[in-house]
Structure formats: structure tokens, C-alpha cells
Amino acid sequence: MSKIIKGIIANKGKATGRAMIIKSPKDFKKFVDGDILVARFTDPSYVAVIIKAAAIVTDRGGITSHPAIIAREFNLPCIVGTKNASAVIRNGDMIEVNANKGYVKIIK
């Protein structure tokens, strides 16, 4: 069974890939091209991994938050304000980010 996490659409699009939870810049070395960035929030230091990401999912934020603005700049699917994505999703989970409809699905 799959789990659905809802949030705010910050930039439309769809992506499927491996989730990588980033808690701080020390986690950046684990991130590889095509991973989906999952974080509580982002700040300018996260651009180093965002440029490799297939999509962005954050617990916090709205349409004018840092991840939303950067997602639009790089045209990445982005869902913000999920409240709990970084706690529910695990590193390595295959997830689908549907930023056309505002949800993230953990694929099992």
C-alpha cells in the first residue's frame, strides 16, 4: 500500500525517484544526481544539492519560501508545507512527487 503526503504546490511538474533526507549540509555528500530532496526546510546553502535534484519536498514553507523560489528558478517539481514529509519518508524510499496535484506518494 502506498502512503500519500499532501502539501502546497510551489512549482508544477512530476518526478519519481529515490528520496534523500537532508537534515544539514553534512548530508550533502550522500545526494546524487536525480535524487528527490526531502527536507524540513532549505536555505541558500542547499543550492549545491538542489541543482542535482529531480524534485523538492519540504515540511515548511509556502509559495514565497526559499525552496519554492529556487524550484521555479530551476523548473523543478516542488511541494512545500507538508508538515511531516521528512519524518514519514525514509532515505532510499522510491517516491512520486506530483506537483500538479499537490501530493507526494511513497511507492512500495
C-alpha atoms as a PDB file:
ATOM      1  CA  MET A   1       0.000   0.000   0.000  1.00  0.00           C
ATOM      2  CA  SER A   2       1.259   3.497  -0.804  1.00  0.00           C
ATOM      3  CA  LYS A   3       1.252   6.484   1.538  1.00  0.00           C
ATOM      4  CA  ILE A   4       0.112   9.943   0.369  1.00  0.00           C
ATOM      5  CA  ILE A   5       1.512  13.182   1.808  1.00  0.00           C
ATOM      6  CA  LYS A   6      -0.197  16.431   0.835  1.00  0.00           C
ATOM      7  CA  GLY A   7       1.309  19.893   0.601  1.00  0.00           C
ATOM      8  CA  ILE A   8       1.312  23.203  -1.236  1.00  0.00           C
ATOM      9  CA  ILE A   9       2.242  23.277  -4.919  1.00  0.00           C
ATOM     10  CA  ALA A  10       5.228  25.603  -5.277  1.00  0.00           C
ATOM     11  CA  ASN A  11       6.154  24.671  -8.853  1.00  0.00           C
ATOM     12  CA  LYS A  12       4.235  22.263 -11.072  1.00  0.00           C
ATOM     13  CA  GLY A  13       5.620  19.075 -12.537  1.00  0.00           C
ATOM     14  CA  LYS A  14       6.087  15.391 -11.759  1.00  0.00           C
ATOM     15  CA  ALA A  15       9.103  13.334 -10.791  1.00  0.00           C
ATOM     16  CA  THR A  16       9.763   9.853  -9.497  1.00  0.00           C
ATOM     17  CA  GLY A  17      12.977   8.880  -7.788  1.00  0.00           C
ATOM     18  CA  ARG A  18      14.899   7.956  -4.677  1.00  0.00           C
ATOM     19  CA  ALA A  19      14.183  10.114  -1.639  1.00  0.00           C
ATOM     20  CA  MET A  20      17.155  11.608   0.162  1.00  0.00           C
ATOM     21  CA  ILE A  21      16.521  13.299   3.505  1.00  0.00           C
ATOM     22  CA  ILE A  22      18.839  16.249   4.041  1.00  0.00           C
ATOM     23  CA  LYS A  23      18.965  17.489   7.632  1.00  0.00           C
ATOM     24  CA  SER A  24      22.048  19.702   7.321  1.00  0.00           C
ATOM     25  CA  PRO A  25      24.895  20.496   4.926  1.00  0.00           C
ATOM     26  CA  LYS A  26      26.851  17.499   6.307  1.00  0.00           C
ATOM     27  CA  ASP A  27      24.322  15.269   4.482  1.00  0.00           C
ATOM     28  CA  PHE A  28      25.044  16.827   1.059  1.00  0.00           C
ATOM     29  CA  LYS A  29      27.706  14.223   0.206  1.00  0.00           C
ATOM     30  CA  LYS A  30      25.026  11.459   0.203  1.00  0.00           C
ATOM     31  CA  PHE A  31      22.989  13.215  -2.500  1.00  0.00           C
ATOM     32  CA  VAL A  32      23.377  12.045  -6.117  1.00  0.00           C
ATOM     33  CA  ASP A  33      22.000  13.367  -9.399  1.00  0.00           C
ATOM     34  CA  GLY A  34      18.321  12.548  -9.799  1.00  0.00           C
ATOM     35  CA  ASP A  35      17.542  12.076  -6.103  1.00  0.00           C
ATOM     36  CA  ILE A  36      14.496  13.851  -4.685  1.00  0.00           C
ATOM     37  CA  LEU A  37      15.419  16.339  -1.978  1.00  0.00           C
ATOM     38  CA  VAL A  38      13.299  15.928   1.160  1.00  0.00           C
ATOM     39  CA  ALA A  39      13.987  18.372   3.991  1.00  0.00           C
ATOM     40  CA  ARG A  40      12.322  20.249   6.827  1.00  0.00           C
ATOM     41  CA  PHE A  41      13.341  23.487   5.055  1.00  0.00           C
ATOM     42  CA  THR A  42      16.075  24.781   2.762  1.00  0.00           C
ATOM     43  CA  ASP A  43      18.356  27.800   2.779  1.00  0.00           C
ATOM     44  CA  PRO A  44      20.871  29.157   0.240  1.00  0.00           C
ATOM     45  CA  SER A  45      23.478  26.521   1.188  1.00  0.00           C
ATOM     46  CA  TYR A  46      21.135  23.829  -0.196  1.00  0.00           C
ATOM     47  CA  VAL A  47      21.566  25.053  -3.787  1.00  0.00           C
ATOM     48  CA  ALA A  48      24.547  22.665  -4.035  1.00  0.00           C
ATOM     49  CA  VAL A  49      22.132  19.693  -3.877  1.00  0.00           C
ATOM     50  CA  ILE A  50      19.102  21.369  -5.452  1.00  0.00           C
ATOM     51  CA  ILE A  51      20.943  21.618  -8.781  1.00  0.00           C
ATOM     52  CA  LYS A  52      21.209  17.789  -8.741  1.00  0.00           C
ATOM     53  CA  ALA A  53      17.610  17.156  -7.602  1.00  0.00           C
ATOM     54  CA  ALA A  54      14.709  15.779  -9.640  1.00  0.00           C
ATOM     55  CA  ALA A  55      12.235  17.479  -7.248  1.00  0.00           C
ATOM     56  CA  ILE A  56      11.991  19.220  -3.866  1.00  0.00           C
ATOM     57  CA  VAL A  57       9.723  18.354  -0.931  1.00  0.00           C
ATOM     58  CA  THR A  58       9.786  20.316   2.337  1.00  0.00           C
ATOM     59  CA  ASP A  59       7.919  20.240   5.640  1.00  0.00           C
ATOM     60  CA  ARG A  60       7.818  24.008   5.959  1.00  0.00           C
ATOM     61  CA  GLY A  61       7.254  26.891   3.609  1.00  0.00           C
ATOM     62  CA  GLY A  62       4.774  28.498   1.293  1.00  0.00           C
ATOM     63  CA  ILE A  63       4.788  29.755  -2.280  1.00  0.00           C
ATOM     64  CA  THR A  64       7.264  32.543  -1.437  1.00  0.00           C
ATOM     65  CA  SER A  65       9.647  30.363   0.611  1.00  0.00           C
ATOM     66  CA  HIS A  66      13.242  29.619  -0.370  1.00  0.00           C
ATOM     67  CA  PRO A  67      12.571  26.149  -1.853  1.00  0.00           C
ATOM     68  CA  ALA A  68       9.591  27.464  -3.829  1.00  0.00           C
ATOM     69  CA  ILE A  69      11.578  30.305  -5.375  1.00  0.00           C
ATOM     70  CA  ILE A  70      14.563  28.100  -6.211  1.00  0.00           C
ATOM     71  CA  ALA A  71      12.302  25.374  -7.649  1.00  0.00           C
ATOM     72  CA  ARG A  72      10.770  27.906 -10.015  1.00  0.00           C
ATOM     73  CA  GLU A  73      14.235  29.186 -10.954  1.00  0.00           C
ATOM     74  CA  PHE A  74      15.394  25.647 -11.856  1.00  0.00           C
ATOM     75  CA  ASN A  75      11.911  24.499 -13.008  1.00  0.00           C
ATOM     76  CA  LEU A  76      11.789  21.586 -10.558  1.00  0.00           C
ATOM     77  CA  PRO A  77       8.587  19.998  -9.281  1.00  0.00           C
ATOM     78  CA  CYS A  78       8.195  21.273  -5.724  1.00  0.00           C
ATOM     79  CA  ILE A  79       5.798  20.688  -2.855  1.00  0.00           C
ATOM     80  CA  VAL A  80       6.230  22.681   0.350  1.00  0.00           C
ATOM     81  CA  GLY A  81       4.366  22.865   3.645  1.00  0.00           C
ATOM     82  CA  THR A  82       3.796  19.114   4.015  1.00  0.00           C
ATOM     83  CA  LYS A  83       4.369  19.395   7.793  1.00  0.00           C
ATOM     84  CA  ASN A  84       5.789  15.858   8.087  1.00  0.00           C
ATOM     85  CA  ALA A  85       7.358  14.569   4.843  1.00  0.00           C
ATOM     86  CA  SER A  86      10.878  14.404   6.324  1.00  0.00           C
ATOM     87  CA  ALA A  87       9.552  12.299   9.233  1.00  0.00           C
ATOM     88  CA  VAL A  88       7.365   9.941   7.155  1.00  0.00           C
ATOM     89  CA  ILE A  89       9.637   9.395   4.144  1.00  0.00           C
ATOM     90  CA  ARG A  90      12.830   7.357   4.668  1.00  0.00           C
ATOM     91  CA  ASN A  91      16.152   7.625   2.846  1.00  0.00           C
ATOM     92  CA  GLY A  92      16.050   5.435  -0.228  1.00  0.00           C
ATOM     93  CA  ASP A  93      12.245   5.266  -0.480  1.00  0.00           C
ATOM     94  CA  MET A  94      11.006   5.464  -4.052  1.00  0.00           C
ATOM     95  CA  ILE A  95       8.616   8.393  -4.185  1.00  0.00           C
ATOM     96  CA  GLU A  96       6.478  10.144  -6.741  1.00  0.00           C
ATOM     97  CA  VAL A  97       6.192  13.918  -6.471  1.00  0.00           C
ATOM     98  CA  ASN A  98       3.038  15.075  -8.237  1.00  0.00           C
ATOM     99  CA  ALA A  99       3.288  18.843  -8.015  1.00  0.00           C
ATOM    100  CA  ASN A 100       0.434  19.183 -10.492  1.00  0.00           C
ATOM    101  CA  LYS A 101      -1.982  17.823  -7.878  1.00  0.00           C
ATOM    102  CA  GLY A 102      -0.099  18.661  -4.638  1.00  0.00           C
ATOM    103  CA  TYR A 103       0.930  15.294  -3.239  1.00  0.00           C
ATOM    104  CA  VAL A 104       3.892  13.012  -2.656  1.00  0.00           C
ATOM    105  CA  LYS A 105       3.334   9.252  -2.829  1.00  0.00           C
ATOM    106  CA  ILE A 106       5.658   6.732  -1.225  1.00  0.00           C
ATOM    107  CA  ILE A 107       5.811   3.837  -3.698  1.00  0.00           C
ATOM    108  CA  LYS A 108       6.053   0.412  -2.028  1.00  0.00           C
END
